[in-house]
């Protein structure tokens, strides 16, 4: 498939997507493996069962995406953590098969052309972006004409 066809397919999928904004502020937290182990030993420091969160553990660090209230609960136990806050979680509510190429590239290009920084996250069937709260309104104005619905 040519780049032009991929771009057209990604644009077509984006036009079918509903964009949902999680109501909470999120924090991205980078922990050492040792700090992560200490958190695991204290279940009261875990994210709430009904909260949205994401965890990625690789050979370098453990990264958590947490709602602000969950980060507030655990931050005293993770003083050495690298922390970036003030994010909103933007979800593209369209099921994307693993054969789809260029969807996030298309979305992030639209935002990059407007000078809006974002972080991309992929779940099994949907893609998400982390966008700073102070950039959210502008990001939604950019995405609005390209999506089925802003929720």
Protein backbone atom coordinates (compact mmCIF):
# COMPACT_ATOMS: atom_id res chain seq x y z
CA UNK A 1 0.00 0.00 0.00
CA UNK A 2 1.38 3.40 -0.89
CA UNK A 3 1.82 6.16 1.68
CA UNK A 4 -1.03 8.09 0.06
CA UNK A 5 -3.39 5.09 0.40
CA UNK A 6 -2.33 4.58 4.03
CA UNK A 7 -2.98 8.25 4.75
CA UNK A 8 -6.40 8.05 3.08
CA UNK A 9 -7.31 4.90 5.04
CA UNK A 10 -6.15 6.46 8.32
CA UNK A 11 -8.13 9.62 7.55
CA UNK A 12 -11.20 7.51 6.75
CA UNK A 13 -10.92 5.65 10.05
CA UNK A 14 -10.44 8.90 11.94
CA UNK A 15 -13.63 10.30 10.36
CA UNK A 16 -15.50 7.33 11.88
CA UNK A 17 -14.01 7.78 15.37
CA UNK A 18 -15.71 9.27 18.39
CA UNK A 19 -13.24 11.19 20.54
CA UNK A 20 -13.82 10.78 24.26
CA UNK A 21 -12.12 12.77 27.00
CA UNK A 22 -11.67 11.12 30.39
CA UNK A 23 -12.97 13.45 33.10
CA UNK A 24 -9.88 13.22 35.32
CA UNK A 25 -6.41 14.72 35.30
CA UNK A 26 -3.70 12.09 34.79
CA UNK A 27 -0.10 11.73 35.88
CA UNK A 28 2.64 9.82 34.10
CA UNK A 29 5.01 8.35 36.68
CA UNK A 30 8.38 6.71 36.03
CA UNK A 31 9.63 4.46 38.83
CA UNK A 32 12.73 2.39 39.43
CA UNK A 33 12.15 -1.34 39.68
CA UNK A 34 12.98 -1.17 43.40
CA UNK A 35 10.39 1.56 44.03
CA UNK A 36 7.82 -0.45 42.07
CA UNK A 37 8.52 -3.51 44.23
CA UNK A 38 7.97 -1.43 47.39
CA UNK A 39 4.64 -0.18 46.02
CA UNK A 40 3.56 -3.75 45.25
CA UNK A 41 4.24 -4.71 48.87
CA UNK A 42 1.66 -2.10 49.99
CA UNK A 43 -1.71 -2.87 48.35
CA UNK A 44 -3.22 0.30 49.81
CA UNK A 45 -0.98 2.22 47.40
CA UNK A 46 -2.45 0.54 44.33
CA UNK A 47 -4.75 2.39 41.94
CA UNK A 48 -8.44 2.08 42.73
CA UNK A 49 -10.07 -0.90 41.03
CA UNK A 50 -12.55 1.32 39.18
CA UNK A 51 -9.95 3.88 38.07
CA UNK A 52 -8.36 4.09 34.65
CA UNK A 53 -4.66 3.31 34.78
CA UNK A 54 -1.94 1.82 32.65
CA UNK A 55 1.29 0.05 33.55
CA UNK A 56 4.34 -0.65 31.41
CA UNK A 57 7.35 -2.42 32.85
CA UNK A 58 10.49 -2.66 30.75
CA UNK A 59 14.17 -3.23 31.52
CA UNK A 60 14.71 0.48 32.27
CA UNK A 61 11.80 1.48 34.48
CA UNK A 62 8.18 1.00 35.42
CA UNK A 63 5.80 3.59 33.97
CA UNK A 64 2.37 4.21 35.43
CA UNK A 65 -0.43 6.33 34.06
CA UNK A 66 -2.66 7.25 36.99
CA UNK A 67 -5.58 9.45 37.81
CA UNK A 68 -4.58 12.38 39.98
CA UNK A 69 -6.26 10.98 43.13
CA UNK A 70 -4.39 7.67 42.84
CA UNK A 71 -1.08 9.47 42.36
CA UNK A 72 -1.86 11.60 45.45
CA UNK A 73 -2.32 8.39 47.45
CA UNK A 74 1.00 6.87 46.47
CA UNK A 75 3.33 9.80 45.88
CA UNK A 76 4.69 9.80 49.44
CA UNK A 77 5.99 6.27 48.83
CA UNK A 78 7.58 7.11 45.48
CA UNK A 79 9.66 10.19 46.24
CA UNK A 80 12.32 9.35 43.64
CA UNK A 81 9.79 9.00 40.82
CA UNK A 82 9.96 11.02 37.63
CA UNK A 83 6.56 12.69 37.33
CA UNK A 84 4.74 14.62 34.62
CA UNK A 85 1.19 15.71 35.40
CA UNK A 86 -1.67 17.71 34.05
CA UNK A 87 -2.64 15.32 31.26
CA UNK A 88 -6.05 14.54 29.88
CA UNK A 89 -6.67 11.13 28.36
CA UNK A 90 -8.14 11.37 24.86
CA UNK A 91 -9.59 8.12 23.51
CA UNK A 92 -10.37 7.38 19.87
CA UNK A 93 -13.45 5.21 20.27
CA UNK A 94 -13.08 3.08 17.19
CA UNK A 95 -11.90 -0.52 17.18
CA UNK A 96 -8.65 -0.67 15.23
CA UNK A 97 -7.45 -3.96 13.84
CA UNK A 98 -3.73 -4.69 14.17
CA UNK A 99 -3.44 -4.52 10.38
CA UNK A 100 -4.23 -0.78 10.39
CA UNK A 101 -1.20 1.36 9.58
CA UNK A 102 -0.73 5.06 10.02
CA UNK A 103 -3.70 5.89 12.25
CA UNK A 104 -1.70 7.43 15.08
CA UNK A 105 0.75 8.92 12.59
CA UNK A 106 -2.13 10.73 10.91
CA UNK A 107 -3.60 11.97 14.21
CA UNK A 108 -0.28 13.10 15.65
CA UNK A 109 0.66 14.83 12.39
CA UNK A 110 -2.51 16.92 12.60
CA UNK A 111 -1.61 17.93 16.14
CA UNK A 112 2.10 18.44 15.41
CA UNK A 113 1.27 20.81 12.56
CA UNK A 114 -0.54 22.93 15.15
CA UNK A 115 2.37 22.71 17.59
CA UNK A 116 0.50 20.49 20.07
CA UNK A 117 2.58 17.93 21.93
CA UNK A 118 1.05 14.59 22.86
CA UNK A 119 1.93 11.12 24.05
CA UNK A 120 0.47 8.08 22.31
CA UNK A 121 -0.84 4.98 24.05
CA UNK A 122 -2.30 1.91 22.43
CA UNK A 123 -4.62 -0.50 24.16
CA UNK A 124 -5.59 -3.77 22.50
CA UNK A 125 -8.29 -2.30 20.28
CA UNK A 126 -8.23 1.49 20.74
CA UNK A 127 -5.65 4.26 20.64
CA UNK A 128 -5.33 7.05 23.18
CA UNK A 129 -3.40 10.29 23.52
CA UNK A 130 -2.14 12.15 26.55
CA UNK A 131 -2.55 15.86 26.01
CA UNK A 132 -1.78 18.55 28.55
CA UNK A 133 -4.90 20.18 30.00
CA UNK A 134 -3.85 23.62 28.78
CA UNK A 135 -3.60 22.31 25.17
CA UNK A 136 -6.80 20.24 25.21
CA UNK A 137 -9.24 22.83 23.84
CA UNK A 138 -6.91 23.68 20.97
CA UNK A 139 -6.31 19.98 20.23
CA UNK A 140 -10.06 19.35 20.09
CA UNK A 141 -10.52 22.28 17.70
CA UNK A 142 -7.86 20.72 15.45
CA UNK A 143 -9.35 17.20 15.63
CA UNK A 144 -13.01 18.23 15.44
CA UNK A 145 -13.31 18.53 11.65
CA UNK A 146 -11.59 15.14 11.19
CA UNK A 147 -13.71 12.95 13.52
CA UNK A 148 -17.28 11.70 13.71
CA UNK A 149 -17.96 13.16 17.15
CA UNK A 150 -16.29 14.93 20.06
CA UNK A 151 -17.70 13.65 23.36
